[in-house]
Amino acid sequence: MRVDKWLAAVNVIKRRTIASDMVKSGVVYINGLKAKASKNVVVGDKITIEYLKGAKEFEVLQIPTTKTIPKSKKEEFVKEL
């Protein structure tokens, strides 16, 4: 699954267009490398998002098979480090 799609599907970022814009502006990193929107994420990847107030790091636990997941199941797909 593409990184921008994954960020929106697991409710890390509210909308895919925002996630895509963040990737294009260079604030999203996968395993320490600047990500492109087409980069696929796999289980075990570490995704870092650099916000203005500091960075947040997430670990990919699962790849969702649907477009979005319920917010109650977010912990099954992503772990905030």
N, C-alpha and C. Protein backbone atom coordinates (compact mmCIF):
# COMPACT_ATOMS: atom_id res chain seq x y z
N MET A 1 0.85 -1.18 0.00
CA MET A 1 0.00 0.00 0.00
C MET A 1 0.89 1.24 0.00
N ARG A 2 0.48 2.23 -0.77
CA ARG A 2 1.24 3.49 -0.84
C ARG A 2 1.24 4.19 0.52
N VAL A 3 2.30 4.93 0.79
CA VAL A 3 2.44 5.58 2.10
C VAL A 3 1.34 6.60 2.34
N ASP A 4 0.97 7.39 1.34
CA ASP A 4 -0.08 8.38 1.56
C ASP A 4 -1.43 7.72 1.80
N LYS A 5 -1.68 6.64 1.12
CA LYS A 5 -2.93 5.89 1.31
C LYS A 5 -2.96 5.23 2.69
N TRP A 6 -1.83 4.70 3.13
CA TRP A 6 -1.74 4.04 4.44
C TRP A 6 -1.97 5.05 5.56
N LEU A 7 -1.35 6.22 5.46
CA LEU A 7 -1.52 7.25 6.49
C LEU A 7 -2.98 7.64 6.68
N ALA A 8 -3.71 7.73 5.58
CA ALA A 8 -5.13 8.09 5.66
C ALA A 8 -5.97 6.89 6.11
N ALA A 9 -5.64 5.69 5.65
CA ALA A 9 -6.45 4.51 5.97
C ALA A 9 -6.41 4.16 7.46
N VAL A 10 -5.27 4.37 8.11
CA VAL A 10 -5.16 4.00 9.53
C VAL A 10 -5.39 5.19 10.46
N ASN A 11 -5.93 6.27 9.90
CA ASN A 11 -6.33 7.45 10.68
C ASN A 11 -5.17 8.18 11.35
N VAL A 12 -3.98 8.12 10.77
CA VAL A 12 -2.88 8.94 11.28
C VAL A 12 -3.09 10.37 10.79
N ILE A 13 -3.50 10.51 9.53
CA ILE A 13 -3.83 11.80 8.94
C ILE A 13 -5.27 11.69 8.43
N LYS A 14 -6.05 12.74 8.59
CA LYS A 14 -7.49 12.66 8.34
C LYS A 14 -7.86 12.37 6.89
N ARG A 15 -7.18 13.03 5.93
CA ARG A 15 -7.56 12.85 4.53
C ARG A 15 -6.34 12.50 3.69
N ARG A 16 -6.56 11.74 2.63
CA ARG A 16 -5.47 11.30 1.76
C ARG A 16 -4.83 12.48 1.04
N THR A 17 -5.60 13.49 0.68
CA THR A 17 -5.02 14.64 0.00
C THR A 17 -4.02 15.37 0.91
N ILE A 18 -4.34 15.45 2.19
CA ILE A 18 -3.41 16.07 3.14
C ILE A 18 -2.17 15.20 3.28
N ALA A 19 -2.36 13.88 3.36
CA ALA A 19 -1.23 12.97 3.46
C ALA A 19 -0.34 13.09 2.23
N SER A 20 -0.94 13.17 1.06
CA SER A 20 -0.18 13.31 -0.18
C SER A 20 0.60 14.62 -0.20
N ASP A 21 -0.02 15.70 0.24
CA ASP A 21 0.66 16.99 0.29
C ASP A 21 1.84 16.97 1.27
N MET A 22 1.66 16.29 2.41
CA MET A 22 2.74 16.19 3.39
C MET A 22 3.92 15.42 2.82
N VAL A 23 3.64 14.35 2.08
CA VAL A 23 4.71 13.56 1.47
C VAL A 23 5.43 14.41 0.43
N LYS A 24 4.68 15.14 -0.39
CA LYS A 24 5.28 15.99 -1.43
C LYS A 24 6.13 17.10 -0.84
N SER A 25 5.73 17.63 0.31
CA SER A 25 6.49 18.71 0.93
C SER A 25 7.72 18.21 1.70
N GLY A 26 7.87 16.90 1.81
CA GLY A 26 9.10 16.34 2.37
C GLY A 26 9.14 16.21 3.88
N VAL A 27 8.00 16.08 4.54
CA VAL A 27 8.01 15.94 6.00
C VAL A 27 7.75 14.51 6.45
N VAL A 28 7.60 13.58 5.50
CA VAL A 28 7.34 12.18 5.84
C VAL A 28 8.57 11.35 5.48
N TYR A 29 9.02 10.55 6.44
CA TYR A 29 10.20 9.70 6.25
C TYR A 29 9.83 8.25 6.54
N ILE A 30 10.37 7.34 5.74
CA ILE A 30 10.20 5.91 5.98
C ILE A 30 11.57 5.34 6.26
N ASN A 31 11.73 4.78 7.45
CA ASN A 31 13.01 4.21 7.89
C ASN A 31 14.15 5.20 7.74
N GLY A 32 13.89 6.47 8.02
CA GLY A 32 14.92 7.49 7.98
C GLY A 32 15.17 8.12 6.62
N LEU A 33 14.51 7.64 5.58
CA LEU A 33 14.68 8.19 4.24
C LEU A 33 13.43 8.95 3.83
N LYS A 34 13.63 10.10 3.15
CA LYS A 34 12.51 10.91 2.71
C LYS A 34 11.63 10.08 1.77
N ALA A 35 10.34 10.07 2.02
CA ALA A 35 9.41 9.22 1.28
C ALA A 35 8.84 9.94 0.06
N LYS A 36 8.53 9.16 -0.96
CA LYS A 36 7.75 9.64 -2.10
C LYS A 36 6.36 9.05 -1.95
N ALA A 37 5.36 9.68 -2.55
CA ALA A 37 3.97 9.23 -2.41
C ALA A 37 3.78 7.81 -2.93
N SER A 38 4.56 7.41 -3.90
CA SER A 38 4.39 6.08 -4.50
C SER A 38 5.11 4.99 -3.72
N LYS A 39 5.86 5.35 -2.69
CA LYS A 39 6.61 4.36 -1.90
C LYS A 39 5.64 3.46 -1.15
N ASN A 40 5.85 2.16 -1.28
CA ASN A 40 5.00 1.19 -0.57
C ASN A 40 5.51 0.97 0.84
N VAL A 41 4.59 0.82 1.79
CA VAL A 41 4.96 0.50 3.16
C VAL A 41 4.76 -0.99 3.37
N VAL A 42 5.60 -1.57 4.23
CA VAL A 42 5.48 -2.97 4.59
C VAL A 42 5.47 -3.06 6.11
N VAL A 43 5.03 -4.19 6.62
CA VAL A 43 4.97 -4.40 8.06
C VAL A 43 6.38 -4.26 8.65
N GLY A 44 6.50 -3.48 9.71
CA GLY A 44 7.78 -3.26 10.36
C GLY A 44 8.43 -1.94 10.01
N ASP A 45 7.93 -1.23 9.00
CA ASP A 45 8.50 0.07 8.63
C ASP A 45 8.26 1.07 9.75
N LYS A 46 9.21 1.99 9.89
CA LYS A 46 9.09 3.10 10.83
C LYS A 46 8.83 4.37 10.02
N ILE A 47 7.70 5.00 10.27
CA ILE A 47 7.32 6.21 9.54
C ILE A 47 7.41 7.39 10.49
N THR A 48 8.15 8.41 10.08
CA THR A 48 8.32 9.62 10.88
C THR A 48 7.67 10.78 10.15
N ILE A 49 6.87 11.55 10.88
CA ILE A 49 6.25 12.76 10.34
C ILE A 49 6.77 13.93 11.15
N GLU A 50 7.37 14.90 10.47
CA GLU A 50 7.91 16.07 11.15
C GLU A 50 6.89 17.20 11.13
N TYR A 51 6.22 17.39 12.25
CA TYR A 51 5.29 18.49 12.42
C TYR A 51 6.06 19.72 12.87
N LEU A 52 5.41 20.89 12.88
CA LEU A 52 6.07 22.11 13.33
C LEU A 52 6.46 22.04 14.80
N LYS A 53 5.65 21.34 15.61
CA LYS A 53 5.91 21.25 17.04
C LYS A 53 6.76 20.05 17.42
N GLY A 54 7.27 19.31 16.44
CA GLY A 54 8.09 18.14 16.74
C GLY A 54 7.70 16.96 15.87
N ALA A 55 8.52 15.95 15.91
CA ALA A 55 8.30 14.77 15.07
C ALA A 55 7.53 13.70 15.82
N LYS A 56 6.73 12.95 15.07
CA LYS A 56 6.04 11.78 15.61
C LYS A 56 6.47 10.58 14.79
N GLU A 57 6.70 9.46 15.48
CA GLU A 57 7.15 8.25 14.79
C GLU A 57 6.12 7.14 15.00
N PHE A 58 5.87 6.41 13.93
CA PHE A 58 4.89 5.33 13.94
C PHE A 58 5.52 4.08 13.38
N GLU A 59 5.05 2.92 13.85
CA GLU A 59 5.49 1.64 13.32
C GLU A 59 4.30 0.96 12.65
N VAL A 60 4.54 0.40 11.47
CA VAL A 60 3.49 -0.29 10.72
C VAL A 60 3.34 -1.69 11.29
N LEU A 61 2.17 -2.02 11.82
CA LEU A 61 1.91 -3.35 12.37
C LEU A 61 1.17 -4.24 11.37
N GLN A 62 0.24 -3.63 10.61
CA GLN A 62 -0.54 -4.36 9.61
C GLN A 62 -0.85 -3.42 8.46
N ILE A 63 -1.15 -4.01 7.32
CA ILE A 63 -1.61 -3.25 6.16
C ILE A 63 -3.12 -3.49 6.04
N PRO A 64 -3.93 -2.44 6.08
CA PRO A 64 -5.38 -2.63 5.98
C PRO A 64 -5.79 -3.09 4.58
N THR A 65 -6.84 -3.91 4.54
CA THR A 65 -7.33 -4.39 3.25
C THR A 65 -8.50 -3.55 2.74
N THR A 66 -9.03 -2.66 3.59
CA THR A 66 -10.12 -1.80 3.19
C THR A 66 -9.63 -0.36 3.08
N LYS A 67 -10.49 0.51 2.56
CA LYS A 67 -10.11 1.91 2.34
C LYS A 67 -9.81 2.63 3.65
N THR A 68 -10.63 2.38 4.67
CA THR A 68 -10.40 2.95 5.99
C THR A 68 -10.71 1.90 7.04
N ILE A 69 -10.19 2.13 8.24
CA ILE A 69 -10.48 1.23 9.35
C ILE A 69 -11.19 2.02 10.44
N PRO A 70 -11.95 1.36 11.30
CA PRO A 70 -12.57 2.08 12.43
C PRO A 70 -11.49 2.61 13.38
N LYS A 71 -11.74 3.78 13.96
CA LYS A 71 -10.76 4.37 14.87
C LYS A 71 -10.50 3.48 16.07
N SER A 72 -11.46 2.65 16.44
CA SER A 72 -11.29 1.76 17.59
C SER A 72 -10.27 0.65 17.30
N LYS A 73 -9.99 0.36 16.03
CA LYS A 73 -9.04 -0.69 15.67
C LYS A 73 -7.69 -0.14 15.23
N LYS A 74 -7.45 1.15 15.45
CA LYS A 74 -6.21 1.78 15.01
C LYS A 74 -4.97 1.11 15.62
N GLU A 75 -5.06 0.67 16.89
CA GLU A 75 -3.92 0.08 17.58
C GLU A 75 -3.46 -1.23 16.93
N GLU A 76 -4.34 -1.88 16.17
CA GLU A 76 -3.97 -3.14 15.49
C GLU A 76 -3.10 -2.88 14.27
N PHE A 77 -3.16 -1.66 13.71
CA PHE A 77 -2.49 -1.36 12.46
C PHE A 77 -1.25 -0.47 12.63
N VAL A 78 -1.25 0.36 13.66
CA VAL A 78 -0.15 1.31 13.85
C VAL A 78 0.16 1.46 15.33
N LYS A 79 1.46 1.61 15.62
CA LYS A 79 1.89 1.83 16.99
C LYS A 79 2.71 3.12 17.01
N GLU A 80 2.32 4.07 17.87
CA GLU A 80 3.06 5.31 17.99
C GLU A 80 4.25 5.09 18.92
N LEU A 81 5.41 5.48 18.44
CA LEU A 81 6.64 5.28 19.23
C LEU A 81 7.02 6.53 19.97
